Amino acid sequence: MKALIAFFKAIGTTLAIYITVVITPALTAVALTGKWSMYMTCMDSGNYVAGMSFVALLTILMYWALESEFHG
């Protein structure tokens, strides 16, 4: 049962990091420009999504590495 809880906790953390890293900069662009169209411009751009997905992957890997180092 502990393994199942740890599995779902890891999936939840991974999704939270991914969503935060991909969505937050697009929403920041909306806030800075005042135009909701900027959100769709970012999300429709393959370069933006690919680049932010790479950043999210690095963030997730760093989180897992540091979590295992500090929490055993």
PDB file of N, CA and C in Angstrom:
ATOM      1  N   MET A   1       0.823  -1.193   0.000  1.00  0.00           N
ATOM      2  CA  MET A   1       0.000   0.000   0.000  1.00  0.00           C
ATOM      3  C   MET A   1       0.871   1.263   0.000  1.00  0.00           C
ATOM      4  N   LYS A   2       1.999   1.204   0.743  1.00  0.00           N
ATOM      5  CA  LYS A   2       2.895   2.360   0.769  1.00  0.00           C
ATOM      6  C   LYS A   2       3.463   2.649  -0.615  1.00  0.00           C
ATOM      7  N   ALA A   3       3.750   1.585  -1.360  1.00  0.00           N
ATOM      8  CA  ALA A   3       4.291   1.770  -2.709  1.00  0.00           C
ATOM      9  C   ALA A   3       3.274   2.441  -3.619  1.00  0.00           C
ATOM     10  N   LEU A   4       2.011   2.078  -3.482  1.00  0.00           N
ATOM     11  CA  LEU A   4       0.954   2.674  -4.302  1.00  0.00           C
ATOM     12  C   LEU A   4       0.782   4.154  -3.972  1.00  0.00           C
ATOM     13  N   ILE A   5       0.822   4.480  -2.696  1.00  0.00           N
ATOM     14  CA  ILE A   5       0.713   5.885  -2.275  1.00  0.00           C
ATOM     15  C   ILE A   5       1.906   6.683  -2.800  1.00  0.00           C
ATOM     16  N   ALA A   6       3.092   6.114  -2.694  1.00  0.00           N
ATOM     17  CA  ALA A   6       4.293   6.798  -3.198  1.00  0.00           C
ATOM     18  C   ALA A   6       4.223   6.989  -4.702  1.00  0.00           C
ATOM     19  N   PHE A   7       3.681   6.004  -5.416  1.00  0.00           N
ATOM     20  CA  PHE A   7       3.542   6.103  -6.872  1.00  0.00           C
ATOM     21  C   PHE A   7       2.631   7.265  -7.258  1.00  0.00           C
ATOM     22  N   PHE A   8       1.453   7.332  -6.619  1.00  0.00           N
ATOM     23  CA  PHE A   8       0.516   8.406  -6.963  1.00  0.00           C
ATOM     24  C   PHE A   8       1.034   9.769  -6.506  1.00  0.00           C
ATOM     25  N   LYS A   9       1.764   9.801  -5.413  1.00  0.00           N
ATOM     26  CA  LYS A   9       2.379  11.056  -4.970  1.00  0.00           C
ATOM     27  C   LYS A   9       3.412  11.526  -5.997  1.00  0.00           C
ATOM     28  N   ALA A  10       4.204  10.608  -6.523  1.00  0.00           N
ATOM     29  CA  ALA A  10       5.203  10.962  -7.540  1.00  0.00           C
ATOM     30  C   ALA A  10       4.538  11.448  -8.816  1.00  0.00           C
ATOM     31  N   ILE A  11       3.464  10.796  -9.241  1.00  0.00           N
ATOM     32  CA  ILE A  11       2.750  11.232 -10.450  1.00  0.00           C
ATOM     33  C   ILE A  11       2.144  12.618 -10.230  1.00  0.00           C
ATOM     34  N   GLY A  12       1.545  12.837  -9.071  1.00  0.00           N
ATOM     35  CA  GLY A  12       0.959  14.141  -8.768  1.00  0.00           C
ATOM     36  C   GLY A  12       1.995  15.245  -8.753  1.00  0.00           C
ATOM     37  N   THR A  13       3.127  14.978  -8.148  1.00  0.00           N
ATOM     38  CA  THR A  13       4.203  15.967  -8.101  1.00  0.00           C
ATOM     39  C   THR A  13       4.727  16.262  -9.502  1.00  0.00           C
ATOM     40  N   THR A  14       4.908  15.220 -10.295  1.00  0.00           N
ATOM     41  CA  THR A  14       5.397  15.383 -11.657  1.00  0.00           C
ATOM     42  C   THR A  14       4.445  16.231 -12.490  1.00  0.00           C
ATOM     43  N   LEU A  15       3.152  15.936 -12.412  1.00  0.00           N
ATOM     44  CA  LEU A  15       2.165  16.719 -13.166  1.00  0.00           C
ATOM     45  C   LEU A  15       2.109  18.162 -12.677  1.00  0.00           C
ATOM     46  N   ALA A  16       2.205  18.354 -11.370  1.00  0.00           N
ATOM     47  CA  ALA A  16       2.166  19.714 -10.837  1.00  0.00           C
ATOM     48  C   ALA A  16       3.347  20.535 -11.329  1.00  0.00           C
ATOM     49  N   ILE A  17       4.531  19.943 -11.336  1.00  0.00           N
ATOM     50  CA  ILE A  17       5.712  20.659 -11.825  1.00  0.00           C
ATOM     51  C   ILE A  17       5.564  20.953 -13.313  1.00  0.00           C
ATOM     52  N   TYR A  18       5.130  19.960 -14.095  1.00  0.00           N
ATOM     53  CA  TYR A  18       4.996  20.144 -15.544  1.00  0.00           C
ATOM     54  C   TYR A  18       3.998  21.254 -15.859  1.00  0.00           C
ATOM     55  N   ILE A  19       2.838  21.197 -15.231  1.00  0.00           N
ATOM     56  CA  ILE A  19       1.804  22.207 -15.492  1.00  0.00           C
ATOM     57  C   ILE A  19       2.298  23.590 -15.079  1.00  0.00           C
ATOM     58  N   THR A  20       2.950  23.672 -13.933  1.00  0.00           N
ATOM     59  CA  THR A  20       3.452  24.965 -13.460  1.00  0.00           C
ATOM     60  C   THR A  20       4.469  25.552 -14.426  1.00  0.00           C
ATOM     61  N   VAL A  21       5.401  24.733 -14.883  1.00  0.00           N
ATOM     62  CA  VAL A  21       6.465  25.239 -15.753  1.00  0.00           C
ATOM     63  C   VAL A  21       5.931  25.598 -17.147  1.00  0.00           C
ATOM     64  N   VAL A  22       4.970  24.856 -17.663  1.00  0.00           N
ATOM     65  CA  VAL A  22       4.467  25.133 -19.004  1.00  0.00           C
ATOM     66  C   VAL A  22       3.434  26.258 -19.013  1.00  0.00           C
ATOM     67  N   ILE A  23       2.524  26.265 -18.037  1.00  0.00           N
ATOM     68  CA  ILE A  23       1.405  27.216 -18.045  1.00  0.00           C
ATOM     69  C   ILE A  23       1.788  28.594 -17.503  1.00  0.00           C
ATOM     70  N   THR A  24       2.573  28.648 -16.439  1.00  0.00           N
ATOM     71  CA  THR A  24       2.856  29.920 -15.772  1.00  0.00           C
ATOM     72  C   THR A  24       3.491  30.970 -16.691  1.00  0.00           C
ATOM     73  N   PRO A  25       4.516  30.648 -17.499  1.00  0.00           N
ATOM     74  CA  PRO A  25       5.052  31.687 -18.387  1.00  0.00           C
ATOM     75  C   PRO A  25       4.034  32.207 -19.400  1.00  0.00           C
ATOM     76  N   ALA A  26       3.148  31.331 -19.870  1.00  0.00           N
ATOM     77  CA  ALA A  26       2.118  31.786 -20.809  1.00  0.00           C
ATOM     78  C   ALA A  26       1.149  32.739 -20.123  1.00  0.00           C
ATOM     79  N   LEU A  27       0.784  32.434 -18.889  1.00  0.00           N
ATOM     80  CA  LEU A  27      -0.098  33.338 -18.145  1.00  0.00           C
ATOM     81  C   LEU A  27       0.611  34.643 -17.798  1.00  0.00           C
ATOM     82  N   THR A  28       1.910  34.585 -17.587  1.00  0.00           N
ATOM     83  CA  THR A  28       2.683  35.802 -17.349  1.00  0.00           C
ATOM     84  C   THR A  28       2.666  36.688 -18.595  1.00  0.00           C
ATOM     85  N   ALA A  29       2.763  36.071 -19.762  1.00  0.00           N
ATOM     86  CA  ALA A  29       2.684  36.839 -21.014  1.00  0.00           C
ATOM     87  C   ALA A  29       1.325  37.517 -21.134  1.00  0.00           C
ATOM     88  N   VAL A  30       0.271  36.833 -20.713  1.00  0.00           N
ATOM     89  CA  VAL A  30      -1.071  37.426 -20.733  1.00  0.00           C
ATOM     90  C   VAL A  30      -1.122  38.613 -19.778  1.00  0.00           C
ATOM     91  N   ALA A  31      -0.564  38.454 -18.594  1.00  0.00           N
ATOM     92  CA  ALA A  31      -0.593  39.533 -17.606  1.00  0.00           C
ATOM     93  C   ALA A  31       0.201  40.746 -18.080  1.00  0.00           C
ATOM     94  N   LEU A  32       1.324  40.508 -18.737  1.00  0.00           N
ATOM     95  CA  LEU A  32       2.164  41.617 -19.184  1.00  0.00           C
ATOM     96  C   LEU A  32       1.575  42.349 -20.376  1.00  0.00           C
ATOM     97  N   THR A  33       0.913  41.624 -21.260  1.00  0.00           N
ATOM     98  CA  THR A  33       0.362  42.264 -22.459  1.00  0.00           C
ATOM     99  C   THR A  33      -1.094  42.665 -22.299  1.00  0.00           C
ATOM    100  N   GLY A  34      -1.797  42.017 -21.368  1.00  0.00           N
ATOM    101  CA  GLY A  34      -3.215  42.300 -21.200  1.00  0.00           C
ATOM    102  C   GLY A  34      -4.072  41.679 -22.281  1.00  0.00           C
ATOM    103  N   LYS A  35      -3.525  40.748 -23.045  1.00  0.00           N
ATOM    104  CA  LYS A  35      -4.271  40.127 -24.134  1.00  0.00           C
ATOM    105  C   LYS A  35      -4.309  38.607 -23.938  1.00  0.00           C
ATOM    106  N   TRP A  36      -5.532  38.037 -23.879  1.00  0.00           N
ATOM    107  CA  TRP A  36      -5.658  36.587 -23.736  1.00  0.00           C
ATOM    108  C   TRP A  36      -5.146  35.857 -24.969  1.00  0.00           C
ATOM    109  N   SER A  37      -5.072  36.538 -26.096  1.00  0.00           N
ATOM    110  CA  SER A  37      -4.589  35.887 -27.313  1.00  0.00           C
ATOM    111  C   SER A  37      -3.127  35.465 -27.171  1.00  0.00           C
ATOM    112  N   MET A  38      -2.390  36.116 -26.274  1.00  0.00           N
ATOM    113  CA  MET A  38      -0.993  35.729 -26.052  1.00  0.00           C
ATOM    114  C   MET A  38      -0.894  34.310 -25.508  1.00  0.00           C
ATOM    115  N   TYR A  39      -1.874  33.892 -24.706  1.00  0.00           N
ATOM    116  CA  TYR A  39      -1.868  32.538 -24.158  1.00  0.00           C
ATOM    117  C   TYR A  39      -1.939  31.512 -25.285  1.00  0.00           C
ATOM    118  N   MET A  40      -2.863  31.721 -26.206  1.00  0.00           N
ATOM    119  CA  MET A  40      -2.996  30.774 -27.322  1.00  0.00           C
ATOM    120  C   MET A  40      -1.819  30.873 -28.274  1.00  0.00           C
ATOM    121  N   THR A  41      -1.234  32.053 -28.400  1.00  0.00           N
ATOM    122  CA  THR A  41      -0.040  32.198 -29.226  1.00  0.00           C
ATOM    123  C   THR A  41       1.084  31.341 -28.669  1.00  0.00           C
ATOM    124  N   CYS A  42       1.250  31.381 -27.349  1.00  0.00           N
ATOM    125  CA  CYS A  42       2.291  30.559 -26.717  1.00  0.00           C
ATOM    126  C   CYS A  42       1.974  29.080 -26.852  1.00  0.00           C
ATOM    127  N   MET A  43       0.749  28.697 -26.556  1.00  0.00           N
ATOM    128  CA  MET A  43       0.390  27.280 -26.554  1.00  0.00           C
ATOM    129  C   MET A  43       0.375  26.684 -27.961  1.00  0.00           C
ATOM    130  N   ASP A  44       0.101  27.502 -28.975  1.00  0.00           N
ATOM    131  CA  ASP A  44       0.096  27.005 -30.348  1.00  0.00           C
ATOM    132  C   ASP A  44       1.500  26.931 -30.943  1.00  0.00           C
ATOM    133  N   SER A  45       2.456  27.530 -30.272  1.00  0.00           N
ATOM    134  CA  SER A  45       3.830  27.520 -30.768  1.00  0.00           C
ATOM    135  C   SER A  45       4.509  26.220 -30.348  1.00  0.00           C
ATOM    136  N   GLY A  46       4.917  25.443 -31.325  1.00  0.00           N
ATOM    137  CA  GLY A  46       5.608  24.189 -31.035  1.00  0.00           C
ATOM    138  C   GLY A  46       6.917  24.411 -30.315  1.00  0.00           C
ATOM    139  N   ASN A  47       7.614  25.494 -30.654  1.00  0.00           N
ATOM    140  CA  ASN A  47       8.888  25.788 -29.992  1.00  0.00           C
ATOM    141  C   ASN A  47       8.700  26.095 -28.515  1.00  0.00           C
ATOM    142  N   TYR A  48       7.658  26.832 -28.183  1.00  0.00           N
ATOM    143  CA  TYR A  48       7.393  27.169 -26.775  1.00  0.00           C
ATOM    144  C   TYR A  48       7.104  25.904 -25.978  1.00  0.00           C
ATOM    145  N   VAL A  49       6.185  25.089 -26.473  1.00  0.00           N
ATOM    146  CA  VAL A  49       5.782  23.893 -25.733  1.00  0.00           C
ATOM    147  C   VAL A  49       6.954  22.919 -25.611  1.00  0.00           C
ATOM    148  N   ALA A  50       7.724  22.747 -26.681  1.00  0.00           N
ATOM    149  CA  ALA A  50       8.874  21.839 -26.634  1.00  0.00           C
ATOM    150  C   ALA A  50       9.935  22.361 -25.671  1.00  0.00           C
ATOM    151  N   GLY A  51      10.229  23.651 -25.738  1.00  0.00           N
ATOM    152  CA  GLY A  51      11.235  24.231 -24.855  1.00  0.00           C
ATOM    153  C   GLY A  51      10.824  24.157 -23.400  1.00  0.00           C
ATOM    154  N   MET A  52       9.579  24.487 -23.118  1.00  0.00           N
ATOM    155  CA  MET A  52       9.106  24.449 -21.740  1.00  0.00           C
ATOM    156  C   MET A  52       8.971  23.010 -21.240  1.00  0.00           C
ATOM    157  N   SER A  53       8.656  22.082 -22.118  1.00  0.00           N
ATOM    158  CA  SER A  53       8.611  20.677 -21.716  1.00  0.00           C
ATOM    159  C   SER A  53      10.005  20.198 -21.320  1.00  0.00           C
ATOM    160  N   PHE A  54      11.024  20.652 -22.042  1.00  0.00           N
ATOM    161  CA  PHE A  54      12.401  20.305 -21.703  1.00  0.00           C
ATOM    162  C   PHE A  54      12.782  20.895 -20.347  1.00  0.00           C
ATOM    163  N   VAL A  55      12.422  22.143 -20.113  1.00  0.00           N
ATOM    164  CA  VAL A  55      12.692  22.784 -18.822  1.00  0.00           C
ATOM    165  C   VAL A  55      11.958  22.037 -17.701  1.00  0.00           C
ATOM    166  N   ALA A  56      10.709  21.639 -17.964  1.00  0.00           N
ATOM    167  CA  ALA A  56       9.943  20.885 -16.972  1.00  0.00           C
ATOM    168  C   ALA A  56      10.608  19.547 -16.680  1.00  0.00           C
ATOM    169  N   LEU A  57      11.102  18.879 -17.713  1.00  0.00           N
ATOM    170  CA  LEU A  57      11.789  17.605 -17.519  1.00  0.00           C
ATOM    171  C   LEU A  57      13.020  17.775 -16.636  1.00  0.00           C
ATOM    172  N   LEU A  58      13.809  18.809 -16.904  1.00  0.00           N
ATOM    173  CA  LEU A  58      14.983  19.071 -16.073  1.00  0.00           C
ATOM    174  C   LEU A  58      14.587  19.370 -14.625  1.00  0.00           C
ATOM    175  N   THR A  59      13.531  20.149 -14.450  1.00  0.00           N
ATOM    176  CA  THR A  59      13.061  20.483 -13.106  1.00  0.00           C
ATOM    177  C   THR A  59      12.600  19.236 -12.367  1.00  0.00           C
ATOM    178  N   ILE A  60      11.865  18.372 -13.052  1.00  0.00           N
ATOM    179  CA  ILE A  60      11.376  17.134 -12.442  1.00  0.00           C
ATOM    180  C   ILE A  60      12.545  16.233 -12.061  1.00  0.00           C
ATOM    181  N   LEU A  61      13.525  16.104 -12.949  1.00  0.00           N
ATOM    182  CA  LEU A  61      14.684  15.262 -12.643  1.00  0.00           C
ATOM    183  C   LEU A  61      15.467  15.807 -11.449  1.00  0.00           C
ATOM    184  N   MET A  62      15.631  17.125 -11.395  1.00  0.00           N
ATOM    185  CA  MET A  62      16.320  17.732 -10.259  1.00  0.00           C
ATOM    186  C   MET A  62      15.534  17.512  -8.970  1.00  0.00           C
ATOM    187  N   TYR A  63      14.213  17.634  -9.032  1.00  0.00           N
ATOM    188  CA  TYR A  63      13.377  17.410  -7.856  1.00  0.00           C
ATOM    189  C   TYR A  63      13.534  15.982  -7.350  1.00  0.00           C
ATOM    190  N   TRP A  64      13.441  15.017  -8.260  1.00  0.00           N
ATOM    191  CA  TRP A  64      13.572  13.612  -7.857  1.00  0.00           C
ATOM    192  C   TRP A  64      14.957  13.333  -7.283  1.00  0.00           C
ATOM    193  N   ALA A  65      15.992  13.887  -7.896  1.00  0.00           N
ATOM    194  CA  ALA A  65      17.353  13.654  -7.406  1.00  0.00           C
ATOM    195  C   ALA A  65      17.526  14.244  -6.010  1.00  0.00           C
ATOM    196  N   LEU A  66      17.059  15.457  -5.810  1.00  0.00           N
ATOM    197  CA  LEU A  66      17.211  16.094  -4.507  1.00  0.00           C
ATOM    198  C   LEU A  66      16.309  15.451  -3.453  1.00  0.00           C
ATOM    199  N   GLU A  67      15.125  15.012  -3.859  1.00  0.00           N
ATOM    200  CA  GLU A  67      14.220  14.367  -2.915  1.00  0.00           C
ATOM    201  C   GLU A  67      14.830  13.058  -2.408  1.00  0.00           C
ATOM    202  N   SER A  68      15.386  12.272  -3.315  1.00  0.00           N
ATOM    203  CA  SER A  68      15.976  11.011  -2.894  1.00  0.00           C
ATOM    204  C   SER A  68      17.247  11.244  -2.052  1.00  0.00           C
ATOM    205  N   GLU A  69      17.939  12.342  -2.314  1.00  0.00           N
ATOM    206  CA  GLU A  69      19.147  12.640  -1.538  1.00  0.00           C
ATOM    207  C   GLU A  69      18.814  13.077  -0.125  1.00  0.00           C
ATOM    208  N   PHE A  70      17.773  13.891   0.022  1.00  0.00           N
ATOM    209  CA  PHE A  70      17.451  14.446   1.326  1.00  0.00           C
ATOM    210  C   PHE A  70      16.458  13.600   2.129  1.00  0.00           C
ATOM    211  N   HIS A  71      15.665  12.769   1.446  1.00  0.00           N
ATOM    212  CA  HIS A  71      14.653  11.971   2.146  1.00  0.00           C
ATOM    213  C   HIS A  71      14.933  10.473   2.099  1.00  0.00           C
ATOM    214  N   GLY A  72      16.079  10.108   1.558  1.00  0.00           N
ATOM    215  CA  GLY A  72      16.481   8.718   1.546  1.00  0.00           C
ATOM    216  C   GLY A  72      15.741   7.937   0.531  1.00  0.00           C
TER     217      GLY A  72
END
